[in-house]
N, C-alpha and C. Protein backbone atom coordinates (compact mmCIF):
# COMPACT_ATOMS: atom_id res chain seq x y z
N UNK A 1 -4.27 -11.91 4.34
CA UNK A 1 -4.34 -10.42 4.06
C UNK A 1 -3.07 -10.30 3.02
N UNK A 2 -2.01 -9.67 3.75
CA UNK A 2 -0.91 -9.39 3.16
C UNK A 2 0.20 -8.65 3.93
N UNK A 3 1.15 -8.34 3.57
CA UNK A 3 2.27 -7.39 3.94
C UNK A 3 3.04 -6.55 2.93
N UNK A 4 2.63 -5.35 2.74
CA UNK A 4 3.09 -4.27 1.92
C UNK A 4 4.24 -3.12 2.98
N UNK A 5 5.21 -2.91 2.28
CA UNK A 5 6.37 -2.24 2.73
C UNK A 5 6.81 -1.29 1.67
N UNK A 6 7.03 0.17 2.27
CA UNK A 6 7.46 1.19 1.59
C UNK A 6 8.37 2.08 2.29
N UNK A 7 9.22 2.76 1.72
CA UNK A 7 10.21 3.62 2.30
C UNK A 7 10.18 4.71 1.14
N UNK A 8 10.11 5.98 1.78
CA UNK A 8 10.01 7.20 0.81
C UNK A 8 11.59 7.67 1.05
N UNK A 9 12.10 7.89 0.02
CA UNK A 9 13.41 8.46 -0.13
C UNK A 9 13.40 9.88 -0.54
N UNK A 10 14.63 10.47 -0.81
CA UNK A 10 14.56 12.00 -1.11
C UNK A 10 14.10 12.14 -2.24
N UNK A 11 14.32 11.19 -3.65
CA UNK A 11 13.68 11.50 -4.86
C UNK A 11 13.35 10.00 -5.45
N UNK A 12 13.14 9.16 -4.63
CA UNK A 12 12.70 7.82 -4.78
C UNK A 12 11.68 7.15 -3.73
N UNK A 13 11.01 6.20 -4.20
CA UNK A 13 10.34 5.26 -3.31
C UNK A 13 10.59 3.96 -3.38
N UNK A 14 11.01 3.13 -2.69
CA UNK A 14 11.10 1.75 -2.66
C UNK A 14 9.65 1.14 -2.06
N UNK A 15 9.36 0.18 -2.63
CA UNK A 15 8.10 -0.55 -2.22
C UNK A 15 7.78 -2.11 -2.58
N UNK A 16 7.36 -2.78 -1.66
CA UNK A 16 7.36 -4.02 -1.90
C UNK A 16 6.22 -4.84 -1.12
N UNK A 17 5.93 -6.24 -1.70
CA UNK A 17 4.75 -6.70 -1.15
C UNK A 17 5.09 -8.36 -1.41
N UNK A 18 4.33 -9.08 -0.79
CA UNK A 18 4.15 -10.26 -0.80
C UNK A 18 3.28 -10.67 -2.08
N UNK A 19 2.87 -11.99 -2.37
CA UNK A 19 2.04 -12.24 -3.48
C UNK A 19 0.84 -13.37 -3.02
N UNK A 20 0.79 -13.59 -1.79
CA UNK A 20 -0.21 -14.68 -1.24
C UNK A 20 -1.56 -14.12 -1.14
N UNK A 21 -2.35 -14.72 -1.55
CA UNK A 21 -3.82 -14.35 -1.28
C UNK A 21 -4.36 -15.51 -0.61
N UNK A 22 -5.02 -14.99 0.87
CA UNK A 22 -5.75 -16.17 1.63
C UNK A 22 -6.94 -15.78 1.88
N UNK A 23 -7.78 -16.75 2.43
CA UNK A 23 -9.21 -16.74 2.88
C UNK A 23 -9.25 -16.95 4.19
N UNK A 24 -10.43 -16.73 4.89
CA UNK A 24 -10.62 -16.93 6.38
C UNK A 24 -10.71 -18.57 6.76
N UNK A 25 -10.85 -19.49 5.62
CA UNK A 25 -10.96 -20.67 5.61
C UNK A 25 -9.64 -21.60 5.68
N UNK A 26 -8.38 -20.58 5.36
CA UNK A 26 -7.00 -21.23 5.21
C UNK A 26 -6.73 -21.49 3.86
N UNK A 27 -7.47 -21.48 2.76
CA UNK A 27 -7.12 -21.32 1.47
C UNK A 27 -6.15 -20.39 1.14
N UNK A 28 -5.42 -20.56 0.22
CA UNK A 28 -4.38 -19.37 -0.42
C UNK A 28 -3.84 -19.94 -1.58
N UNK A 29 -3.60 -18.78 -2.32
CA UNK A 29 -2.91 -18.93 -3.78
C UNK A 29 -2.02 -17.78 -4.10
N UNK A 30 -1.11 -17.87 -5.06
CA UNK A 30 -0.30 -16.76 -5.24
C UNK A 30 -0.72 -16.08 -6.37
N UNK A 31 -0.78 -14.79 -6.23
CA UNK A 31 -1.44 -13.86 -7.34
C UNK A 31 -0.43 -13.57 -8.24
N UNK A 32 -0.38 -13.77 -9.63
CA UNK A 32 0.74 -13.78 -10.30
C UNK A 32 1.14 -12.35 -10.67
N UNK A 33 0.15 -11.42 -10.62
CA UNK A 33 0.56 -10.11 -10.77
C UNK A 33 1.01 -9.08 -9.62
N UNK A 34 0.94 -9.91 -8.49
CA UNK A 34 0.96 -9.29 -7.14
C UNK A 34 0.05 -8.15 -6.76
N UNK A 35 0.41 -7.45 -5.73
CA UNK A 35 -0.49 -6.38 -5.01
C UNK A 35 -0.07 -4.94 -5.44
N UNK A 36 0.89 -4.80 -6.32
CA UNK A 36 1.39 -3.48 -6.42
C UNK A 36 1.37 -3.39 -8.09
N UNK A 37 0.46 -2.10 -8.21
CA UNK A 37 0.36 -1.86 -9.77
C UNK A 37 0.13 -0.37 -9.96
N UNK A 38 0.63 -0.05 -11.36
CA UNK A 38 0.46 1.40 -11.50
C UNK A 38 -0.77 1.56 -12.36
N UNK A 39 -1.52 2.62 -11.91
CA UNK A 39 -2.72 2.97 -12.81
C UNK A 39 -2.57 4.44 -13.07
N UNK A 40 -2.36 4.83 -14.26
CA UNK A 40 -2.23 6.21 -14.80
C UNK A 40 -0.83 6.72 -14.00
N UNK A 41 -0.74 7.83 -13.47
CA UNK A 41 0.50 8.28 -12.79
C UNK A 41 0.58 7.84 -11.09
N UNK A 42 -0.19 6.89 -10.84
CA UNK A 42 -0.25 6.79 -9.41
C UNK A 42 0.12 4.89 -9.13
N UNK A 43 0.98 4.68 -8.29
CA UNK A 43 1.24 3.46 -7.98
C UNK A 43 0.27 3.15 -6.51
N UNK A 44 -0.35 2.03 -6.73
CA UNK A 44 -1.28 1.39 -5.61
C UNK A 44 -0.52 0.38 -5.08
N UNK A 45 -0.65 -0.25 -3.79
CA UNK A 45 -0.43 -1.52 -3.29
C UNK A 45 -1.79 -1.50 -2.40
N UNK A 46 -2.46 -2.66 -2.53
CA UNK A 46 -3.75 -3.14 -1.93
C UNK A 46 -3.41 -4.33 -0.77
N UNK A 47 -3.67 -4.03 0.32
CA UNK A 47 -3.70 -5.33 1.64
C UNK A 47 -5.20 -5.21 1.64
N UNK A 48 -5.53 -6.64 1.69
CA UNK A 48 -6.93 -6.89 1.99
C UNK A 48 -7.72 -7.77 1.08
N UNK A 49 -8.99 -7.27 0.82
CA UNK A 49 -9.74 -8.01 -0.31
C UNK A 49 -8.92 -7.96 -1.69
N UNK A 50 -8.81 -9.12 -2.27
CA UNK A 50 -8.56 -9.02 -3.92
C UNK A 50 -9.51 -8.21 -4.53
N UNK A 51 -10.58 -8.27 -4.38
CA UNK A 51 -11.66 -7.39 -5.05
C UNK A 51 -11.29 -5.91 -5.32
N UNK A 52 -11.00 -5.30 -4.23
CA UNK A 52 -10.59 -3.93 -4.35
C UNK A 52 -9.38 -3.65 -5.15
N UNK A 53 -8.59 -4.59 -5.27
CA UNK A 53 -7.34 -4.61 -5.94
C UNK A 53 -7.92 -4.55 -7.68
N UNK A 54 -8.57 -5.59 -7.83
CA UNK A 54 -9.16 -5.60 -9.07
C UNK A 54 -9.85 -4.35 -9.68
N UNK A 55 -10.64 -3.76 -8.75
CA UNK A 55 -11.46 -2.66 -9.14
C UNK A 55 -10.55 -1.54 -9.35
N UNK A 56 -9.41 -1.26 -8.47
CA UNK A 56 -8.62 0.09 -8.78
C UNK A 56 -7.79 -0.33 -9.92
N UNK A 57 -7.42 -1.43 -10.13
CA UNK A 57 -6.37 -1.85 -11.28
C UNK A 57 -7.08 -1.82 -12.51
N UNK A 58 -8.29 -2.37 -12.55
CA UNK A 58 -9.05 -2.53 -14.03
C UNK A 58 -10.19 -1.74 -14.24
N UNK A 59 -10.77 -1.17 -13.09
CA UNK A 59 -12.01 -0.19 -13.35
C UNK A 59 -12.02 1.16 -12.80
N UNK A 60 -10.96 1.76 -12.61
CA UNK A 60 -10.82 2.91 -12.05
C UNK A 60 -9.91 3.79 -12.95
N UNK A 61 -10.19 4.97 -13.27
CA UNK A 61 -9.55 6.24 -13.81
C UNK A 61 -9.36 7.20 -12.64
N UNK A 62 -7.85 7.26 -12.16
CA UNK A 62 -7.48 8.29 -11.35
C UNK A 62 -7.89 9.68 -11.84
N UNK A 63 -8.07 10.42 -11.13
CA UNK A 63 -8.14 12.11 -11.48
C UNK A 63 -6.52 12.75 -11.90
N UNK A 64 -6.48 13.54 -12.83
CA UNK A 64 -5.49 14.04 -12.95
C UNK A 64 -5.04 15.00 -11.84
N UNK A 65 -3.63 14.53 -11.63
CA UNK A 65 -2.89 15.43 -10.65
C UNK A 65 -2.61 16.73 -11.19
N UNK A 66 -3.35 17.91 -10.81
CA UNK A 66 -3.20 19.31 -11.30
C UNK A 66 -2.90 20.18 -10.48
N UNK A 67 -2.01 19.75 -9.23
CA UNK A 67 -1.68 20.83 -8.30
C UNK A 67 -0.44 20.14 -7.61
N UNK A 68 0.35 21.06 -6.91
CA UNK A 68 1.31 20.74 -6.15
C UNK A 68 1.19 20.30 -4.72
N UNK A 69 0.10 20.54 -4.33
CA UNK A 69 -0.31 20.19 -2.98
C UNK A 69 -1.11 18.67 -3.04
N UNK A 70 -0.20 17.69 -3.07
CA UNK A 70 -0.67 16.28 -3.03
C UNK A 70 -1.56 15.98 -1.82
N UNK A 71 -1.38 16.62 -0.83
CA UNK A 71 -2.56 16.33 0.42
C UNK A 71 -3.85 16.82 0.00
N UNK A 72 -3.93 18.12 -0.52
CA UNK A 72 -5.23 18.26 -1.00
C UNK A 72 -5.83 17.37 -2.39
N UNK A 73 -4.78 17.10 -3.02
CA UNK A 73 -5.34 16.31 -3.95
C UNK A 73 -5.83 15.07 -3.55
N UNK A 74 -5.12 14.27 -2.49
CA UNK A 74 -5.69 12.87 -1.94
C UNK A 74 -7.11 13.07 -1.37
N UNK A 75 -7.27 14.48 -0.53
CA UNK A 75 -8.20 14.74 0.21
C UNK A 75 -9.66 14.82 -0.71
N UNK A 76 -9.30 16.14 -1.62
CA UNK A 76 -10.42 16.41 -2.43
C UNK A 76 -10.91 15.54 -3.77
N UNK A 77 -9.53 15.08 -4.28
CA UNK A 77 -9.94 14.40 -5.74
C UNK A 77 -9.98 12.76 -5.35
N UNK A 78 -8.84 12.40 -4.99
CA UNK A 78 -8.58 10.89 -5.17
C UNK A 78 -9.36 10.04 -4.52
N UNK A 79 -9.69 10.53 -3.18
CA UNK A 79 -10.45 9.51 -2.28
C UNK A 79 -11.94 9.77 -2.81
N UNK A 80 -12.36 10.72 -3.11
CA UNK A 80 -13.66 10.86 -3.55
C UNK A 80 -13.94 9.99 -4.85
N UNK A 81 -13.01 10.13 -5.86
CA UNK A 81 -13.10 9.17 -6.73
C UNK A 81 -13.08 7.75 -6.51
N UNK A 82 -12.11 7.25 -5.72
CA UNK A 82 -12.07 5.93 -5.18
C UNK A 82 -13.34 5.60 -4.57
N UNK A 83 -13.94 6.40 -3.55
CA UNK A 83 -15.33 5.98 -3.06
C UNK A 83 -16.29 5.89 -4.06
N UNK A 84 -16.36 6.80 -4.98
CA UNK A 84 -17.52 6.60 -6.23
C UNK A 84 -17.37 5.31 -6.89
N UNK A 85 -16.15 4.84 -7.25
CA UNK A 85 -15.76 3.67 -7.96
C UNK A 85 -16.23 2.45 -7.03
N UNK A 86 -15.56 2.34 -5.89
CA UNK A 86 -16.18 1.47 -5.12
C UNK A 86 -17.61 1.38 -4.91
N UNK A 87 -18.30 2.22 -4.67
CA UNK A 87 -19.80 2.49 -4.34
C UNK A 87 -20.38 1.86 -5.72
N UNK A 88 -19.94 2.31 -6.93
CA UNK A 88 -20.68 1.81 -8.20
C UNK A 88 -20.49 0.37 -8.37
N UNK A 89 -19.34 -0.15 -7.81
CA UNK A 89 -19.09 -1.43 -7.98
C UNK A 89 -19.83 -2.42 -6.67
N UNK A 90 -20.48 -1.89 -5.93
CA UNK A 90 -20.87 -2.47 -4.65
C UNK A 90 -19.96 -2.91 -3.76
N UNK A 91 -18.85 -2.16 -3.82
CA UNK A 91 -17.63 -2.70 -2.76
C UNK A 91 -17.58 -2.03 -1.56
N UNK A 92 -18.31 -0.79 -1.36
CA UNK A 92 -18.15 -0.03 -0.45
C UNK A 92 -19.33 -0.59 0.52
N UNK A 93 -18.98 -0.49 2.00
CA UNK A 93 -19.93 -1.02 2.96
C UNK A 93 -20.22 0.27 3.72
N UNK A 94 -21.11 0.29 4.32
CA UNK A 94 -21.91 1.30 5.29
C UNK A 94 -22.14 0.58 6.51
N UNK A 95 -21.52 1.03 7.71
CA UNK A 95 -21.77 0.57 8.79
C UNK A 95 -22.36 1.37 9.84
N UNK A 96 -23.30 0.93 10.73
CA UNK A 96 -24.08 1.92 11.40
C UNK A 96 -22.94 2.28 12.65
N UNK A 97 -22.08 1.59 12.96
CA UNK A 97 -21.03 1.98 14.26
C UNK A 97 -20.05 2.94 13.60
N UNK A 98 -19.79 3.20 12.33
CA UNK A 98 -18.69 3.67 11.77
C UNK A 98 -18.96 4.52 10.44
N UNK A 99 -18.05 5.06 9.98
CA UNK A 99 -18.24 5.62 8.51
C UNK A 99 -18.28 4.65 7.50
N UNK A 100 -18.53 4.98 6.08
CA UNK A 100 -18.30 3.77 5.09
C UNK A 100 -16.96 3.52 4.91
N UNK A 101 -17.07 2.16 4.64
CA UNK A 101 -15.57 1.71 4.48
C UNK A 101 -15.33 0.87 3.15
N UNK A 102 -14.16 0.60 2.86
CA UNK A 102 -13.83 -0.58 1.93
C UNK A 102 -12.85 -1.76 2.60
N UNK A 103 -13.08 -2.71 2.05
CA UNK A 103 -12.04 -3.77 2.79
C UNK A 103 -10.56 -3.87 2.25
N UNK A 104 -9.98 -2.64 2.19
CA UNK A 104 -8.58 -2.65 1.96
C UNK A 104 -7.94 -1.56 2.68
N UNK A 105 -6.66 -1.69 2.87
CA UNK A 105 -5.79 -0.53 3.36
C UNK A 105 -4.75 -0.37 2.15
N UNK A 106 -4.43 0.96 1.67
CA UNK A 106 -3.80 0.96 0.35
C UNK A 106 -2.40 1.91 0.82
N UNK A 107 -1.37 1.50 0.10
CA UNK A 107 -0.24 2.26 -0.07
C UNK A 107 -0.35 2.83 -1.28
N UNK A 108 -0.11 4.33 -1.56
CA UNK A 108 -0.38 5.03 -2.65
C UNK A 108 0.99 5.86 -2.89
N UNK A 109 1.44 5.75 -3.95
CA UNK A 109 2.70 6.72 -4.35
C UNK A 109 2.35 7.81 -5.39
N UNK A 110 2.48 8.81 -5.16
CA UNK A 110 2.03 9.80 -6.02
C UNK A 110 3.20 10.84 -6.19
N UNK A 111 3.81 11.17 -7.18
CA UNK A 111 4.98 12.11 -7.55
C UNK A 111 6.01 11.80 -6.21
N UNK A 112 6.34 10.69 -6.03
CA UNK A 112 7.29 10.56 -5.15
C UNK A 112 7.05 10.46 -3.71
N UNK A 113 5.72 10.75 -3.35
CA UNK A 113 5.05 10.98 -1.70
C UNK A 113 4.30 9.52 -1.80
N UNK A 114 4.57 9.08 -0.29
CA UNK A 114 3.62 7.97 0.11
C UNK A 114 2.57 8.28 0.88
N UNK A 115 1.68 7.75 0.75
CA UNK A 115 0.43 7.96 1.60
C UNK A 115 -0.18 6.59 1.87
N UNK A 116 -0.57 6.27 3.15
CA UNK A 116 -1.38 5.18 3.65
C UNK A 116 -2.86 5.63 3.67
N UNK A 117 -3.77 5.05 3.03
CA UNK A 117 -5.09 5.09 2.96
C UNK A 117 -5.95 4.04 3.75
N UNK A 118 -6.26 4.00 4.72
CA UNK A 118 -7.16 3.07 5.61
C UNK A 118 -8.63 2.93 5.00
N UNK A 119 -9.06 1.90 5.44
CA UNK A 119 -10.17 1.31 4.92
C UNK A 119 -11.50 2.14 5.18
N UNK A 120 -11.40 3.26 5.97
CA UNK A 120 -12.31 4.23 6.13
C UNK A 120 -11.98 5.59 5.36
N UNK A 121 -11.09 5.40 4.51
CA UNK A 121 -10.62 6.45 3.52
C UNK A 121 -9.89 7.88 4.17
N UNK A 122 -9.47 7.34 5.54
CA UNK A 122 -8.60 8.37 6.13
C UNK A 122 -7.09 8.32 5.57
N UNK A 123 -6.45 9.39 5.52
CA UNK A 123 -4.89 9.00 5.08
C UNK A 123 -3.99 9.62 5.92
N UNK A 124 -2.73 8.79 5.93
CA UNK A 124 -1.67 9.23 6.71
C UNK A 124 -0.31 9.21 6.09
N UNK A 125 0.64 10.16 6.69
CA UNK A 125 1.98 10.17 6.30
C UNK A 125 2.72 10.02 7.53
N UNK A 126 4.03 9.44 7.30
CA UNK A 126 4.85 9.44 8.51
C UNK A 126 6.09 10.19 8.50
N UNK A 127 6.54 10.58 9.62
CA UNK A 127 7.80 11.51 9.55
C UNK A 127 9.13 10.65 9.49
N UNK A 128 9.05 9.19 9.74
CA UNK A 128 10.13 8.40 9.51
C UNK A 128 10.25 7.67 8.39
N UNK A 129 9.56 8.09 7.29
CA UNK A 129 9.56 7.89 5.83
C UNK A 129 9.25 6.15 5.92
N UNK A 130 8.87 5.45 6.70
CA UNK A 130 8.62 4.15 6.73
C UNK A 130 6.89 3.94 6.81
N UNK A 131 6.58 3.06 5.73
CA UNK A 131 5.04 2.73 5.35
C UNK A 131 4.77 1.29 5.43
N UNK A 132 3.72 0.80 6.18
CA UNK A 132 3.32 -0.62 6.12
C UNK A 132 1.94 -0.63 6.03
N UNK A 133 1.39 -1.84 5.41
CA UNK A 133 -0.15 -2.19 5.43
C UNK A 133 -0.06 -3.61 5.71
N UNK A 134 -1.39 -3.90 5.93
CA UNK A 134 -1.73 -5.62 6.01
C UNK A 134 -1.65 -6.30 7.35
N UNK A 135 -1.97 -7.55 7.35
CA UNK A 135 -1.88 -8.42 8.56
C UNK A 135 -0.25 -8.57 9.06
N UNK A 136 0.59 -8.63 8.28
CA UNK A 136 1.88 -8.58 8.74
C UNK A 136 2.60 -7.46 9.16
N UNK A 137 1.91 -6.17 9.07
CA UNK A 137 2.59 -5.03 9.13
C UNK A 137 3.26 -4.49 10.27
N UNK A 138 2.63 -5.36 11.55
CA UNK A 138 3.53 -4.99 12.94
C UNK A 138 5.03 -5.84 12.91
N UNK A 139 4.84 -6.76 12.30
CA UNK A 139 6.26 -7.53 11.98
C UNK A 139 7.27 -6.70 11.16
N UNK A 140 6.60 -6.35 10.12
CA UNK A 140 7.47 -5.65 9.07
C UNK A 140 7.86 -4.19 9.47
N UNK A 141 7.05 -3.50 10.27
CA UNK A 141 7.58 -2.34 10.54
C UNK A 141 8.59 -2.32 11.79
N UNK A 142 8.33 -3.25 12.76
CA UNK A 142 9.41 -3.46 13.64
C UNK A 142 10.84 -3.71 13.18
N UNK A 143 10.89 -4.71 12.10
CA UNK A 143 11.84 -4.97 11.48
C UNK A 143 12.69 -3.68 10.66
N UNK A 144 11.79 -2.95 10.01
CA UNK A 144 12.21 -1.97 9.25
C UNK A 144 12.81 -0.81 10.11
N UNK A 145 12.18 -0.74 11.30
CA UNK A 145 12.39 0.34 12.11
C UNK A 145 13.76 0.14 12.70
N UNK A 146 14.07 -1.20 13.11
CA UNK A 146 15.35 -1.97 13.58
C UNK A 146 16.41 -1.63 12.45
N UNK A 147 16.29 -2.00 11.30
CA UNK A 147 17.09 -2.08 10.51
C UNK A 147 17.71 -0.79 9.81
N UNK A 148 16.55 0.21 9.98
CA UNK A 148 16.91 1.44 9.78
C UNK A 148 17.85 2.30 10.73
N UNK A 149 17.71 1.72 11.96
CA UNK A 149 18.75 2.36 13.18
C UNK A 149 18.08 3.65 13.46
N UNK A 150 16.92 3.95 13.42
CA UNK A 150 16.59 5.22 13.85
C UNK A 150 16.61 6.58 13.07
N UNK A 151 17.29 6.18 11.79
CA UNK A 151 17.01 7.53 11.20
C UNK A 151 16.59 7.16 9.85
N UNK A 152 16.08 8.14 9.04
CA UNK A 152 15.64 8.18 7.78
C UNK A 152 16.53 7.39 6.78
N UNK A 153 16.04 6.74 6.28
CA UNK A 153 16.75 5.73 4.92
C UNK A 153 16.99 6.71 3.76
N UNK A 154 17.97 6.96 3.33
CA UNK A 154 18.10 7.92 2.20
C UNK A 154 19.05 7.31 1.01
N UNK A 155 19.20 6.24 1.16
CA UNK A 155 19.84 5.25 0.27
C UNK A 155 18.89 4.28 -0.43
N UNK A 156 18.75 4.20 -1.68
CA UNK A 156 17.68 3.28 -2.08
C UNK A 156 18.18 1.68 -2.03
N UNK A 157 19.47 1.50 -2.52
CA UNK A 157 19.95 0.02 -2.14
C UNK A 157 19.79 -0.31 -0.63
N UNK A 158 19.94 0.39 0.33
CA UNK A 158 19.63 -0.05 1.87
C UNK A 158 18.14 -0.09 1.83
N UNK A 159 17.53 0.82 1.37
CA UNK A 159 16.07 0.73 1.32
C UNK A 159 15.55 -0.88 0.65
N UNK A 160 16.13 -1.03 -0.45
CA UNK A 160 15.65 -2.43 -0.99
C UNK A 160 15.96 -3.55 0.16
N UNK A 161 17.15 -3.45 0.60
CA UNK A 161 17.60 -4.70 1.73
C UNK A 161 16.74 -4.77 2.92
N UNK A 162 16.26 -3.44 3.10
CA UNK A 162 15.47 -3.37 4.67
C UNK A 162 14.08 -3.88 4.27
N UNK A 163 13.42 -3.38 2.94
CA UNK A 163 12.26 -4.07 2.78
C UNK A 163 12.31 -5.40 2.37
N UNK A 164 13.25 -6.01 1.76
CA UNK A 164 13.32 -7.50 1.64
C UNK A 164 13.30 -8.21 2.90
N UNK A 165 14.14 -7.81 3.74
CA UNK A 165 14.24 -8.48 5.17
C UNK A 165 13.07 -8.39 5.89
N UNK A 166 12.36 -7.27 5.78
CA UNK A 166 11.26 -6.96 6.57
C UNK A 166 9.98 -7.77 6.10
N UNK A 167 9.86 -8.00 4.65
CA UNK A 167 9.13 -8.86 4.05
C UNK A 167 9.20 -10.32 4.31
N UNK A 168 10.50 -10.75 4.51
CA UNK A 168 10.78 -11.97 5.01
C UNK A 168 10.37 -12.23 6.31
N UNK A 169 10.50 -11.46 7.17
CA UNK A 169 10.35 -11.58 8.66
C UNK A 169 8.71 -11.67 8.74
N UNK A 170 7.86 -10.47 8.12
CA UNK A 170 6.66 -11.10 8.07
C UNK A 170 6.11 -12.22 7.64
N UNK A 171 6.61 -12.62 6.83
CA UNK A 171 6.24 -13.95 6.03
C UNK A 171 6.69 -15.14 6.80
N UNK A 172 7.57 -14.88 7.59
CA UNK A 172 7.88 -16.12 8.68
C UNK A 172 6.83 -16.20 9.96
N UNK A 173 6.42 -14.82 10.48
CA UNK A 173 5.77 -14.85 11.46
C UNK A 173 3.99 -14.63 11.42
N UNK A 174 3.82 -14.11 10.07
CA UNK A 174 2.47 -13.89 9.66
C UNK A 174 1.91 -14.95 8.77
N UNK A 175 0.84 -15.73 9.11
CA UNK A 175 0.44 -16.98 8.18
C UNK A 175 -0.36 -16.45 7.03
N UNK A 176 -0.59 -15.07 6.84
CA UNK A 176 -1.44 -14.61 5.81
C UNK A 176 -0.57 -13.89 4.90
N UNK A 177 0.98 -13.92 4.96
CA UNK A 177 2.05 -13.35 4.14
C UNK A 177 2.71 -14.49 3.66
N UNK A 178 2.90 -14.24 2.49
CA UNK A 178 4.13 -15.32 1.93
C UNK A 178 4.05 -15.28 0.31
N UNK A 179 4.40 -16.32 -0.36
CA UNK A 179 4.62 -16.36 -1.81
C UNK A 179 5.93 -15.51 -2.35
N UNK A 180 5.70 -15.24 -3.70
CA UNK A 180 6.86 -14.57 -4.02
C UNK A 180 6.95 -13.05 -3.51
N UNK A 181 8.03 -12.42 -3.08
CA UNK A 181 8.16 -11.05 -2.61
C UNK A 181 8.66 -10.31 -3.72
N UNK A 182 7.97 -9.21 -3.87
CA UNK A 182 8.34 -8.13 -4.87
C UNK A 182 8.86 -6.85 -4.30
N UNK A 183 10.00 -6.35 -4.73
CA UNK A 183 10.40 -5.28 -4.26
C UNK A 183 10.85 -4.14 -5.43
N UNK A 184 10.30 -3.19 -5.53
CA UNK A 184 10.25 -2.33 -6.85
C UNK A 184 10.64 -0.81 -6.24
N UNK A 185 11.59 -0.05 -7.37
CA UNK A 185 12.03 1.09 -6.93
C UNK A 185 11.16 2.01 -7.80
N UNK A 186 10.74 3.10 -7.55
CA UNK A 186 9.76 4.11 -8.00
C UNK A 186 10.61 5.48 -8.22
N UNK A 187 10.90 5.89 -9.11
CA UNK A 187 11.78 7.33 -9.22
C UNK A 187 11.09 8.28 -9.87
N UNK A 188 10.31 9.26 -9.01
CA UNK A 188 9.53 10.12 -9.42
C UNK A 188 9.84 11.62 -8.90
N UNK A 189 9.71 12.62 -9.58
CA UNK A 189 10.03 13.68 -8.88
C UNK A 189 8.93 14.48 -8.00
N UNK A 190 9.48 15.09 -7.09
CA UNK A 190 8.60 15.62 -5.98
C UNK A 190 8.22 17.13 -6.32
């Protein structure tokens, strides 16, 4: 799968991910462009099936953000547009015991705000400004929380160090995390 980490600062977001793509049969390769990409005015990072990343990166036009209420934008515009695109690509799955799903967990950055969008299209934000997704997320979150020392991280240089170390730890303990680690600073107005 993968490991994605993000820290939302006061006027920046630091986001990082590994580059390994692995299958259930044990086969793995390194994805040259990684799992973090910008599409229009939104940064996406995808954990899970590479197909979802392909679709949102190359066959998706995000709706224009025309509101200051980003929560409403995510709920009313972005998620329905993602669902429609996945459905049209034959990527959305309907399961009798649950709602419709896709095979990804997304970390999304919009106007300096971070959202985790789960496979069932529900979204979450955290009060401690630490975000993770993927098979190594528990290792990474534990490392990030320990390195943050119980306070919100408000320095981008410290955030870069925390995310880099968290990804290294996840790579060591999660067999589906590895390859090149990329950590990127995103500066956008909130």
